[in-house]
Amino acid sequence: IKNYILDEDKIHAQIQENKKKPKKQSKFQARMKQMMEQAEQQKQMQQKRKK
């Protein structure tokens, strides 16, 4: 039954195709990335002030 119903090659090809697509970031991930970039900029500004 498994061989007639499930085409493993077709499923595997679909999975490989989906891996190539860029992943969308959730809103939470986008906000976290933005906050990390801002923190990095502030850190760099503080280091410039110390010199």
Protein backbone atom coordinates (compact mmCIF):
# COMPACT_ATOMS: atom_id res chain seq x y z
CA ILE A 1 0.00 0.00 0.00
CA LYS A 2 2.83 2.38 0.89
CA ASN A 3 4.39 2.10 -2.56
CA TYR A 4 1.13 2.87 -4.34
CA ILE A 5 -0.03 5.78 -2.22
CA LEU A 6 3.19 7.56 -1.24
CA ASP A 7 5.62 8.59 -3.94
CA GLU A 8 8.77 9.15 -1.88
CA ASP A 9 10.76 10.62 -4.76
CA LYS A 10 8.08 13.22 -5.39
CA ILE A 11 7.91 14.13 -1.70
CA HIS A 12 11.71 14.35 -1.48
CA ALA A 13 11.84 16.62 -4.55
CA GLN A 14 9.22 18.91 -3.00
CA ILE A 15 11.20 19.13 0.25
CA GLN A 16 14.40 20.01 -1.63
CA GLU A 17 12.54 22.69 -3.60
CA ASN A 18 11.17 24.21 -0.40
CA LYS A 19 14.66 24.39 1.12
CA LYS A 20 15.77 26.69 -1.72
CA LYS A 21 13.11 29.28 -0.96
CA PRO A 22 14.13 32.09 1.39
CA LYS A 23 12.51 31.85 4.78
CA LYS A 24 10.33 34.70 5.97
CA GLN A 25 11.18 36.20 9.33
CA SER A 26 8.48 36.49 11.89
CA LYS A 27 7.79 39.92 13.34
CA PHE A 28 9.47 38.88 16.57
CA GLN A 29 12.63 37.81 14.75
CA ALA A 30 12.71 41.07 12.79
CA ARG A 31 12.38 43.12 15.98
CA MET A 32 15.08 41.10 17.73
CA LYS A 33 17.44 41.59 14.78
CA GLN A 34 16.79 45.32 14.77
CA MET A 35 17.38 45.58 18.53
CA MET A 36 20.65 43.64 18.21
CA GLU A 37 21.85 45.99 15.47
CA GLN A 38 20.99 49.04 17.57
CA ALA A 39 22.82 47.58 20.56
CA GLU A 40 25.87 46.94 18.38
CA GLN A 41 25.81 50.53 17.10
CA GLN A 42 25.59 51.89 20.64
CA LYS A 43 28.50 49.70 21.69
CA GLN A 44 30.60 51.03 18.83
CA MET A 45 29.71 54.63 19.70
CA GLN A 46 30.77 54.06 23.31
CA GLN A 47 34.09 52.60 22.18
CA LYS A 48 34.72 55.65 19.96
CA ARG A 49 34.03 57.98 22.91
CA LYS A 50 36.52 56.13 25.12
CA LYS A 51 39.33 56.71 22.60
